[in-house]
N, C-alpha and C. Protein backbone atom coordinates (compact mmCIF):
# COMPACT_ATOMS: atom_id res chain seq x y z
N UNK A 1 57.82 12.88 77.21
CA UNK A 1 56.81 11.81 77.70
C UNK A 1 57.15 10.20 77.20
N UNK A 2 56.97 9.64 78.26
CA UNK A 2 57.06 8.29 77.75
C UNK A 2 55.77 7.37 77.49
N UNK A 3 56.06 6.32 76.57
CA UNK A 3 54.89 5.66 76.19
C UNK A 3 54.44 4.74 77.47
N UNK A 4 52.92 4.67 77.42
CA UNK A 4 52.40 4.14 78.74
C UNK A 4 52.35 2.36 78.37
N UNK A 5 52.55 2.24 77.41
CA UNK A 5 52.71 0.42 77.00
C UNK A 5 53.84 0.40 75.81
N UNK A 6 54.40 -0.88 75.99
CA UNK A 6 55.32 -1.22 75.26
C UNK A 6 55.18 -2.41 74.34
N UNK A 7 55.62 -2.47 73.22
CA UNK A 7 55.43 -3.45 72.06
C UNK A 7 56.66 -4.30 71.84
N UNK A 8 56.63 -5.49 72.07
CA UNK A 8 57.65 -6.09 71.73
C UNK A 8 57.40 -7.10 70.57
N UNK A 9 58.58 -7.41 69.84
CA UNK A 9 58.28 -8.21 68.43
C UNK A 9 58.00 -9.37 69.16
N UNK A 10 56.89 -10.04 68.48
CA UNK A 10 56.31 -11.73 68.81
C UNK A 10 55.45 -11.74 69.95
N UNK A 11 55.25 -10.54 70.34
CA UNK A 11 54.44 -10.75 71.78
C UNK A 11 52.67 -10.58 71.50
N UNK A 12 52.57 -10.52 70.21
CA UNK A 12 50.97 -10.37 69.91
C UNK A 12 50.86 -11.52 68.83
N UNK A 13 51.89 -12.10 68.26
CA UNK A 13 51.64 -13.24 67.22
C UNK A 13 51.35 -12.56 65.69
N UNK A 14 51.62 -11.32 65.60
CA UNK A 14 51.42 -10.78 64.26
C UNK A 14 49.92 -9.97 64.30
N UNK A 15 49.97 -9.01 63.47
CA UNK A 15 48.31 -8.54 63.37
C UNK A 15 47.37 -9.49 63.10
N UNK A 16 46.18 -9.26 63.45
CA UNK A 16 45.20 -10.08 63.33
C UNK A 16 44.56 -9.87 62.23
N UNK A 17 44.59 -8.66 61.68
CA UNK A 17 43.72 -8.27 60.50
C UNK A 17 44.54 -8.79 59.21
N UNK A 18 45.79 -8.79 59.52
CA UNK A 18 46.62 -9.13 58.19
C UNK A 18 46.45 -10.72 58.00
N UNK A 19 45.88 -11.58 58.75
CA UNK A 19 46.02 -12.98 58.76
C UNK A 19 45.12 -13.56 57.94
N UNK A 20 45.12 -14.48 56.92
CA UNK A 20 44.44 -14.92 55.93
C UNK A 20 43.51 -16.28 56.74
N UNK A 21 42.08 -16.01 56.75
CA UNK A 21 41.24 -16.99 57.17
C UNK A 21 41.55 -18.37 56.83
N UNK A 22 41.42 -19.41 57.60
CA UNK A 22 41.87 -20.84 56.78
C UNK A 22 40.64 -21.25 55.82
N UNK A 23 40.69 -22.23 55.10
CA UNK A 23 39.79 -22.69 54.38
C UNK A 23 38.64 -23.41 55.15
N UNK A 24 37.36 -22.92 54.86
CA UNK A 24 36.38 -23.37 55.57
C UNK A 24 36.11 -24.51 55.02
N UNK A 25 35.37 -25.57 55.55
CA UNK A 25 35.20 -26.72 55.42
C UNK A 25 33.73 -26.93 54.39
N UNK A 26 33.05 -25.90 54.43
CA UNK A 26 31.86 -25.86 53.80
C UNK A 26 32.00 -25.51 52.24
N UNK A 27 32.88 -24.43 52.27
CA UNK A 27 33.34 -24.11 50.85
C UNK A 27 34.03 -25.49 50.02
N UNK A 28 35.07 -26.05 50.92
CA UNK A 28 35.74 -27.07 50.24
C UNK A 28 34.59 -28.06 49.91
N UNK A 29 33.72 -28.41 50.84
CA UNK A 29 32.63 -29.54 50.17
C UNK A 29 31.90 -29.00 49.04
N UNK A 30 31.51 -27.62 48.92
CA UNK A 30 30.77 -27.45 47.65
C UNK A 30 31.77 -27.35 46.59
N UNK A 31 32.99 -27.17 46.75
CA UNK A 31 34.10 -27.10 45.53
C UNK A 31 34.12 -28.62 44.85
N UNK A 32 34.21 -29.46 46.15
CA UNK A 32 34.28 -30.96 45.74
C UNK A 32 32.95 -31.45 45.01
N UNK A 33 31.88 -30.96 45.34
CA UNK A 33 30.57 -31.36 44.96
C UNK A 33 30.34 -30.95 43.31
N UNK A 34 30.81 -29.55 43.13
CA UNK A 34 31.23 -29.05 41.73
C UNK A 34 31.79 -29.74 40.70
N UNK A 35 33.05 -29.93 41.50
CA UNK A 35 33.93 -30.86 40.42
C UNK A 35 33.20 -32.35 40.10
N UNK A 36 32.60 -33.10 41.19
CA UNK A 36 31.94 -34.19 40.90
C UNK A 36 31.02 -34.11 39.89
N UNK A 37 30.10 -33.11 39.94
CA UNK A 37 28.80 -33.02 39.06
C UNK A 37 29.64 -32.67 37.55
N UNK A 38 30.46 -31.78 37.37
CA UNK A 38 31.22 -31.69 36.15
C UNK A 38 31.75 -32.92 35.55
N UNK A 39 32.50 -33.64 36.21
CA UNK A 39 33.01 -35.09 35.82
C UNK A 39 31.96 -36.00 35.19
N UNK A 40 30.59 -35.63 36.10
CA UNK A 40 29.69 -36.72 35.74
C UNK A 40 29.06 -36.26 34.46
N UNK A 41 28.67 -35.14 34.42
CA UNK A 41 28.35 -34.53 32.97
C UNK A 41 29.04 -34.96 31.91
N UNK A 42 30.35 -34.50 32.35
CA UNK A 42 31.35 -35.14 31.05
C UNK A 42 31.28 -36.39 30.71
N UNK A 43 31.28 -37.33 31.56
CA UNK A 43 31.08 -38.87 31.25
C UNK A 43 29.81 -39.18 30.69
N UNK A 44 28.49 -38.55 31.22
CA UNK A 44 27.48 -38.90 30.60
C UNK A 44 27.38 -38.38 29.27
N UNK A 45 27.94 -37.31 28.82
CA UNK A 45 27.75 -36.67 27.48
C UNK A 45 28.73 -37.49 26.48
N UNK A 46 29.91 -38.04 27.06
CA UNK A 46 30.54 -38.85 26.19
C UNK A 46 30.06 -40.11 26.03
N UNK A 47 29.45 -40.59 26.89
CA UNK A 47 28.82 -42.09 26.62
C UNK A 47 27.87 -41.78 25.53
N UNK A 48 26.90 -40.83 25.66
CA UNK A 48 25.72 -40.54 24.70
C UNK A 48 26.49 -40.43 23.40
N UNK A 49 27.45 -39.76 23.36
CA UNK A 49 28.15 -39.31 22.01
C UNK A 49 28.67 -40.73 21.35
N UNK A 50 29.36 -41.77 22.24
CA UNK A 50 29.82 -42.79 21.88
C UNK A 50 28.69 -43.66 21.31
N UNK A 51 27.57 -43.70 21.93
CA UNK A 51 26.48 -44.67 21.81
C UNK A 51 25.47 -44.31 20.97
N UNK A 52 25.69 -43.21 20.12
CA UNK A 52 24.69 -42.77 19.13
C UNK A 52 24.60 -43.45 17.92
N UNK A 53 23.40 -43.52 17.44
CA UNK A 53 23.06 -44.40 16.21
C UNK A 53 23.55 -43.61 14.88
N UNK A 54 24.43 -42.59 14.91
CA UNK A 54 24.49 -41.81 13.74
C UNK A 54 23.66 -40.56 13.58
N UNK A 55 23.79 -39.79 12.51
CA UNK A 55 23.09 -38.61 12.26
C UNK A 55 21.47 -39.08 11.77
N UNK A 56 20.67 -38.05 12.49
CA UNK A 56 19.42 -38.46 12.17
C UNK A 56 18.93 -38.15 10.76
N UNK A 57 18.13 -38.77 9.94
CA UNK A 57 17.69 -38.33 8.77
C UNK A 57 16.57 -37.75 8.43
N UNK A 58 16.52 -36.80 7.52
CA UNK A 58 15.15 -35.95 7.24
C UNK A 58 14.12 -36.81 6.64
N UNK A 59 12.69 -36.60 6.93
CA UNK A 59 11.92 -37.07 6.55
C UNK A 59 11.36 -36.56 5.16
N UNK A 60 10.61 -37.26 4.31
CA UNK A 60 10.32 -36.56 3.25
C UNK A 60 9.13 -35.47 3.42
N UNK A 61 8.34 -35.54 4.33
CA UNK A 61 7.40 -34.62 5.00
C UNK A 61 8.03 -33.25 4.98
N UNK A 62 9.18 -33.17 5.93
CA UNK A 62 9.93 -31.94 6.17
C UNK A 62 10.32 -31.27 5.00
N UNK A 63 10.77 -32.09 3.98
CA UNK A 63 11.40 -31.63 2.74
C UNK A 63 10.24 -31.09 1.94
N UNK A 64 9.09 -31.61 1.88
CA UNK A 64 8.07 -31.09 0.91
C UNK A 64 7.31 -29.82 1.55
N UNK A 65 7.72 -29.34 2.86
CA UNK A 65 6.95 -28.35 3.16
C UNK A 65 8.02 -27.19 2.85
N UNK A 66 9.06 -27.23 2.59
CA UNK A 66 10.03 -25.99 1.81
C UNK A 66 9.64 -25.56 0.54
N UNK A 67 9.38 -24.21 0.65
CA UNK A 67 9.05 -23.54 -0.56
C UNK A 67 10.18 -22.52 -0.96
N UNK A 68 10.42 -22.44 -2.18
CA UNK A 68 11.69 -21.86 -2.53
C UNK A 68 10.78 -20.95 -3.96
N UNK A 69 10.87 -19.57 -3.73
CA UNK A 69 10.38 -18.75 -4.81
C UNK A 69 11.61 -18.30 -5.53
N UNK A 70 11.79 -18.44 -7.02
CA UNK A 70 12.81 -18.32 -7.77
C UNK A 70 13.11 -16.54 -8.01
N UNK A 71 14.15 -16.14 -8.41
CA UNK A 71 14.47 -14.77 -8.53
C UNK A 71 13.52 -14.28 -9.74
N UNK A 72 13.07 -13.11 -9.54
CA UNK A 72 12.26 -12.32 -10.76
C UNK A 72 13.09 -12.42 -11.75
N UNK A 73 12.57 -12.82 -13.04
CA UNK A 73 13.24 -12.84 -14.35
C UNK A 73 13.48 -11.59 -14.92
N UNK A 74 13.02 -10.42 -14.43
CA UNK A 74 13.26 -9.13 -14.98
C UNK A 74 13.70 -8.22 -13.93
N UNK A 75 14.33 -7.14 -13.91
CA UNK A 75 14.83 -6.16 -12.99
C UNK A 75 13.74 -5.35 -12.47
N UNK A 76 13.98 -4.64 -11.52
CA UNK A 76 12.86 -3.72 -10.87
C UNK A 76 12.76 -2.57 -12.09
N UNK A 77 13.86 -2.18 -12.49
CA UNK A 77 13.69 -1.20 -13.58
C UNK A 77 12.67 -1.38 -14.56
N UNK A 78 12.95 -2.79 -15.26
CA UNK A 78 12.11 -3.27 -16.26
C UNK A 78 10.65 -3.37 -15.89
N UNK A 79 10.54 -3.97 -14.66
CA UNK A 79 9.10 -3.79 -13.98
C UNK A 79 8.63 -2.43 -13.98
N UNK A 80 9.14 -1.52 -13.55
CA UNK A 80 8.53 -0.43 -13.70
C UNK A 80 8.56 0.23 -15.06
N UNK A 81 9.17 -0.26 -15.96
CA UNK A 81 9.13 0.15 -17.35
C UNK A 81 7.78 -0.70 -17.94
N UNK A 82 7.48 -1.78 -17.77
CA UNK A 82 6.14 -2.30 -18.26
C UNK A 82 4.87 -1.49 -17.88
N UNK A 83 4.88 -0.37 -16.90
CA UNK A 83 3.77 0.26 -16.60
C UNK A 83 3.50 1.17 -17.78
N UNK A 84 4.72 1.71 -18.47
CA UNK A 84 4.37 2.73 -19.51
C UNK A 84 4.02 1.96 -20.88
N UNK A 85 4.22 1.03 -21.03
CA UNK A 85 4.01 0.17 -22.09
C UNK A 85 2.58 -0.58 -22.30
N UNK A 86 2.05 -0.79 -23.43
CA UNK A 86 0.87 -1.64 -23.71
C UNK A 86 1.28 -3.07 -22.97
N UNK A 87 0.26 -3.44 -22.37
CA UNK A 87 0.30 -4.96 -21.81
C UNK A 87 0.40 -5.89 -22.75
N UNK A 88 1.19 -6.86 -22.49
CA UNK A 88 1.30 -8.26 -23.44
C UNK A 88 0.81 -9.04 -22.54
N UNK A 89 -0.57 -9.61 -22.21
CA UNK A 89 -0.93 -10.54 -21.53
C UNK A 89 -0.73 -12.10 -22.04
N UNK A 90 -0.51 -12.14 -23.29
CA UNK A 90 -0.26 -13.59 -23.78
C UNK A 90 -1.45 -14.41 -23.80
N UNK A 91 -1.27 -15.58 -23.10
CA UNK A 91 -2.42 -16.44 -22.79
C UNK A 91 -3.43 -15.90 -21.79
N UNK A 92 -3.02 -15.02 -21.06
CA UNK A 92 -3.87 -14.33 -20.11
C UNK A 92 -4.85 -13.12 -20.45
N UNK A 93 -4.84 -13.01 -22.00
CA UNK A 93 -5.24 -11.87 -22.58
C UNK A 93 -6.93 -12.14 -22.09
N UNK A 94 -7.50 -13.10 -22.03
CA UNK A 94 -9.07 -13.26 -21.71
C UNK A 94 -9.31 -12.56 -20.13
N UNK A 95 -9.98 -11.54 -20.22
CA UNK A 95 -10.00 -11.40 -18.81
C UNK A 95 -10.73 -12.15 -17.48
N UNK A 96 -11.45 -13.29 -18.04
CA UNK A 96 -12.27 -14.02 -17.17
C UNK A 96 -10.90 -15.05 -16.43
N UNK A 97 -10.23 -15.40 -17.53
CA UNK A 97 -8.92 -16.51 -17.12
C UNK A 97 -7.89 -15.65 -16.46
N UNK A 98 -7.37 -14.14 -16.72
CA UNK A 98 -6.80 -13.25 -15.89
C UNK A 98 -7.26 -13.20 -14.51
N UNK A 99 -8.70 -13.13 -14.56
CA UNK A 99 -9.15 -12.75 -12.92
C UNK A 99 -9.27 -14.05 -12.17
N UNK A 100 -9.26 -15.54 -12.74
CA UNK A 100 -9.33 -16.58 -12.00
C UNK A 100 -7.90 -16.64 -11.60
N UNK A 101 -6.81 -16.37 -12.37
CA UNK A 101 -5.36 -16.48 -12.13
C UNK A 101 -5.22 -15.47 -10.93
N UNK A 102 -5.57 -14.16 -11.11
CA UNK A 102 -5.24 -13.51 -9.92
C UNK A 102 -5.80 -13.92 -8.73
N UNK A 103 -7.11 -14.21 -8.60
CA UNK A 103 -8.08 -14.72 -7.41
C UNK A 103 -7.08 -15.91 -6.79
N UNK A 104 -6.82 -16.84 -7.54
CA UNK A 104 -5.83 -18.05 -7.09
C UNK A 104 -4.40 -17.53 -6.65
N UNK A 105 -4.02 -16.47 -6.93
CA UNK A 105 -2.62 -15.82 -6.35
C UNK A 105 -3.09 -15.08 -4.99
N UNK A 106 -4.48 -14.73 -4.84
CA UNK A 106 -4.87 -14.00 -3.62
C UNK A 106 -4.97 -12.64 -3.71
N UNK A 107 -5.19 -12.16 -4.99
CA UNK A 107 -5.61 -10.93 -5.43
C UNK A 107 -6.97 -10.61 -5.84
N UNK A 108 -7.82 -9.69 -5.69
CA UNK A 108 -9.11 -9.75 -6.16
C UNK A 108 -8.88 -9.67 -7.72
N UNK A 109 -9.89 -10.56 -8.24
CA UNK A 109 -10.00 -10.75 -9.71
C UNK A 109 -10.24 -9.38 -10.47
N UNK A 110 -10.76 -8.61 -9.76
CA UNK A 110 -10.70 -7.20 -10.39
C UNK A 110 -9.68 -6.12 -10.37
N UNK A 111 -8.59 -6.73 -9.72
CA UNK A 111 -7.37 -5.60 -9.41
C UNK A 111 -6.73 -5.27 -10.92
N UNK A 112 -6.56 -3.99 -10.79
CA UNK A 112 -5.92 -3.69 -12.26
C UNK A 112 -4.71 -3.69 -12.40
N UNK A 113 -4.41 -4.41 -13.58
CA UNK A 113 -3.02 -4.88 -13.75
C UNK A 113 -2.20 -3.88 -14.40
N UNK A 114 -1.48 -3.31 -13.85
CA UNK A 114 -0.47 -2.24 -14.44
C UNK A 114 0.46 -2.52 -15.65
N UNK A 115 0.78 -3.62 -15.75
CA UNK A 115 1.80 -3.97 -16.97
C UNK A 115 1.72 -5.50 -16.97
N UNK A 116 2.03 -5.95 -18.06
CA UNK A 116 2.29 -7.24 -18.43
C UNK A 116 3.46 -7.62 -19.55
N UNK A 117 4.05 -8.85 -19.46
CA UNK A 117 5.01 -8.99 -20.69
C UNK A 117 4.84 -10.64 -20.52
N UNK A 118 4.82 -11.28 -21.55
CA UNK A 118 5.30 -12.60 -21.86
C UNK A 118 6.85 -12.91 -22.31
N UNK A 119 7.35 -13.93 -21.59
CA UNK A 119 8.53 -14.34 -21.66
C UNK A 119 8.84 -15.72 -21.61
N UNK A 120 10.31 -16.26 -21.66
CA UNK A 120 10.40 -17.55 -21.32
C UNK A 120 11.24 -17.69 -20.09
N UNK A 121 10.75 -18.35 -19.00
CA UNK A 121 11.48 -18.75 -17.92
C UNK A 121 11.69 -20.22 -17.94
N UNK A 122 13.20 -20.48 -17.76
CA UNK A 122 13.82 -22.08 -18.03
C UNK A 122 12.87 -22.86 -19.02
N UNK A 123 12.89 -22.09 -20.20
CA UNK A 123 12.27 -22.83 -21.44
C UNK A 123 10.96 -22.95 -21.61
N UNK A 124 10.16 -22.50 -20.24
CA UNK A 124 8.87 -22.29 -20.67
C UNK A 124 8.21 -21.05 -20.49
N UNK A 125 6.82 -20.84 -21.15
CA UNK A 125 6.28 -19.73 -21.26
C UNK A 125 5.64 -19.21 -20.10
N UNK A 126 5.65 -18.08 -19.94
CA UNK A 126 5.56 -17.37 -18.48
C UNK A 126 4.99 -15.95 -18.69
N UNK A 127 4.39 -15.37 -18.00
CA UNK A 127 3.76 -14.06 -17.71
C UNK A 127 4.18 -13.34 -16.55
N UNK A 128 4.66 -12.05 -16.74
CA UNK A 128 4.95 -11.17 -15.77
C UNK A 128 3.90 -10.17 -15.59
N UNK A 129 3.16 -9.96 -14.68
CA UNK A 129 2.10 -9.07 -14.31
C UNK A 129 2.50 -8.06 -13.18
N UNK A 130 2.29 -6.92 -13.49
CA UNK A 130 2.62 -5.91 -12.66
C UNK A 130 1.45 -5.25 -11.92
N UNK A 131 1.23 -5.45 -10.67
CA UNK A 131 0.29 -5.22 -9.83
C UNK A 131 0.43 -3.73 -8.90
N UNK A 132 -0.72 -3.18 -8.49
CA UNK A 132 -0.51 -2.19 -7.42
C UNK A 132 -0.21 -2.88 -6.06
N UNK A 133 0.92 -1.97 -5.53
CA UNK A 133 1.00 -2.38 -4.07
C UNK A 133 0.24 -2.17 -2.94
N UNK A 134 0.56 -2.11 -1.89
CA UNK A 134 -0.22 -1.74 -0.67
C UNK A 134 -0.04 -0.21 -0.49
N UNK A 135 0.90 0.52 -1.01
CA UNK A 135 1.15 1.84 -0.77
C UNK A 135 1.40 2.34 -2.24
N UNK A 136 1.07 3.49 -2.52
CA UNK A 136 0.95 4.18 -3.87
C UNK A 136 2.57 4.22 -4.45
N UNK A 137 3.56 4.28 -3.80
CA UNK A 137 4.71 4.20 -4.27
C UNK A 137 5.38 2.83 -4.43
N UNK A 138 4.66 1.74 -4.53
CA UNK A 138 5.08 0.36 -4.34
C UNK A 138 4.21 -0.19 -5.73
N UNK A 139 5.01 -1.12 -6.35
CA UNK A 139 4.36 -2.26 -7.40
C UNK A 139 4.71 -3.53 -7.00
N UNK A 140 4.03 -4.37 -7.36
CA UNK A 140 4.24 -5.86 -7.18
C UNK A 140 4.26 -6.45 -8.54
N UNK A 141 5.25 -7.21 -8.68
CA UNK A 141 5.83 -7.98 -9.96
C UNK A 141 5.54 -9.65 -9.59
N UNK A 142 4.67 -10.01 -10.55
CA UNK A 142 4.39 -11.60 -10.18
C UNK A 142 4.66 -12.29 -11.65
N UNK A 143 5.58 -13.33 -11.72
CA UNK A 143 5.86 -13.85 -12.61
C UNK A 143 4.91 -15.43 -12.65
N UNK A 144 4.13 -15.86 -13.55
CA UNK A 144 3.46 -17.06 -13.41
C UNK A 144 3.57 -17.84 -14.69
N UNK A 145 3.26 -19.20 -14.61
CA UNK A 145 3.38 -20.01 -15.84
C UNK A 145 2.02 -19.49 -16.65
N UNK A 146 2.05 -19.63 -17.99
CA UNK A 146 1.35 -18.96 -18.78
C UNK A 146 0.02 -19.89 -18.67
N UNK A 147 0.22 -21.08 -18.12
CA UNK A 147 -1.22 -21.76 -17.74
C UNK A 147 -2.01 -21.41 -16.46
N UNK A 148 -1.54 -20.33 -15.88
CA UNK A 148 -2.22 -19.93 -14.77
C UNK A 148 -3.60 -20.05 -14.76
N UNK A 149 -3.95 -20.60 -13.77
CA UNK A 149 -5.70 -20.50 -13.60
C UNK A 149 -6.11 -20.67 -12.13
N UNK A 150 -7.42 -20.81 -11.96
CA UNK A 150 -7.90 -20.89 -10.63
C UNK A 150 -7.58 -21.89 -10.00
N UNK A 151 -7.22 -23.15 -10.58
CA UNK A 151 -6.64 -24.24 -10.05
C UNK A 151 -5.09 -24.41 -9.85
N UNK A 152 -4.52 -24.08 -10.64
CA UNK A 152 -2.86 -23.94 -10.29
C UNK A 152 -2.31 -22.73 -10.89
N UNK A 153 -1.58 -21.88 -10.16
CA UNK A 153 -1.07 -20.58 -10.30
C UNK A 153 0.09 -20.78 -11.33
N UNK A 154 0.90 -21.65 -10.82
CA UNK A 154 2.01 -21.83 -11.45
C UNK A 154 3.05 -20.94 -11.27
N UNK A 155 3.00 -20.33 -9.92
CA UNK A 155 3.62 -19.05 -9.51
C UNK A 155 5.37 -19.46 -9.55
N UNK A 156 6.08 -18.50 -10.23
CA UNK A 156 7.35 -18.62 -10.42
C UNK A 156 8.12 -17.82 -9.54
N UNK A 157 7.83 -16.50 -9.64
CA UNK A 157 8.48 -15.68 -8.63
C UNK A 157 7.40 -14.46 -8.38
N UNK A 158 7.68 -13.80 -7.26
CA UNK A 158 7.08 -12.52 -6.99
C UNK A 158 8.07 -11.62 -6.17
N UNK A 159 7.80 -10.36 -6.29
CA UNK A 159 8.63 -9.46 -5.77
C UNK A 159 7.93 -7.94 -5.66
N UNK A 160 8.39 -7.15 -4.71
CA UNK A 160 7.72 -5.94 -4.52
C UNK A 160 8.89 -4.91 -4.48
N UNK A 161 8.57 -3.80 -5.32
CA UNK A 161 9.67 -2.90 -5.67
C UNK A 161 9.06 -1.31 -5.54
N UNK A 162 9.62 -0.38 -5.33
CA UNK A 162 9.45 0.86 -5.20
C UNK A 162 9.33 1.44 -6.66
N UNK A 163 8.25 2.36 -6.78
CA UNK A 163 8.17 3.21 -8.04
C UNK A 163 9.44 4.37 -8.25
N UNK A 164 9.68 4.64 -9.45
CA UNK A 164 10.94 5.59 -9.44
C UNK A 164 10.13 7.06 -9.00
């Protein structure tokens, strides 16, 4: 049987589905606008950097708001060991003074102090107080200046540790 139609090379101009569509003018305009916007942004940014007055300086107000609590002067093991010993309150032996100090630190003045030790921190007298934590297996260690009172705690360091 013979074919009913004949295809000759070059008669159809190539397969229509294999041809690439030409660049559409809308895409070309959008690409040009994008490149122009990018170049404008680079130019504005470069101009701003070249005309800047230098680095901004910090004000004293922002520096005064930074608080840094020093590292606890004794280890967590030593804090736990203070519970087993007789407390050495040093200048905080007076219960009223100790209660005033604890209140200034944000604890109830009647909180049971589990342990205490006097020591020197940076050449100054201080007292480490061991207080109960929020949970039964936690203790809080607070180091204060020996002059701790309701007016000024002299907080040196504080930490929370687990009981062994």
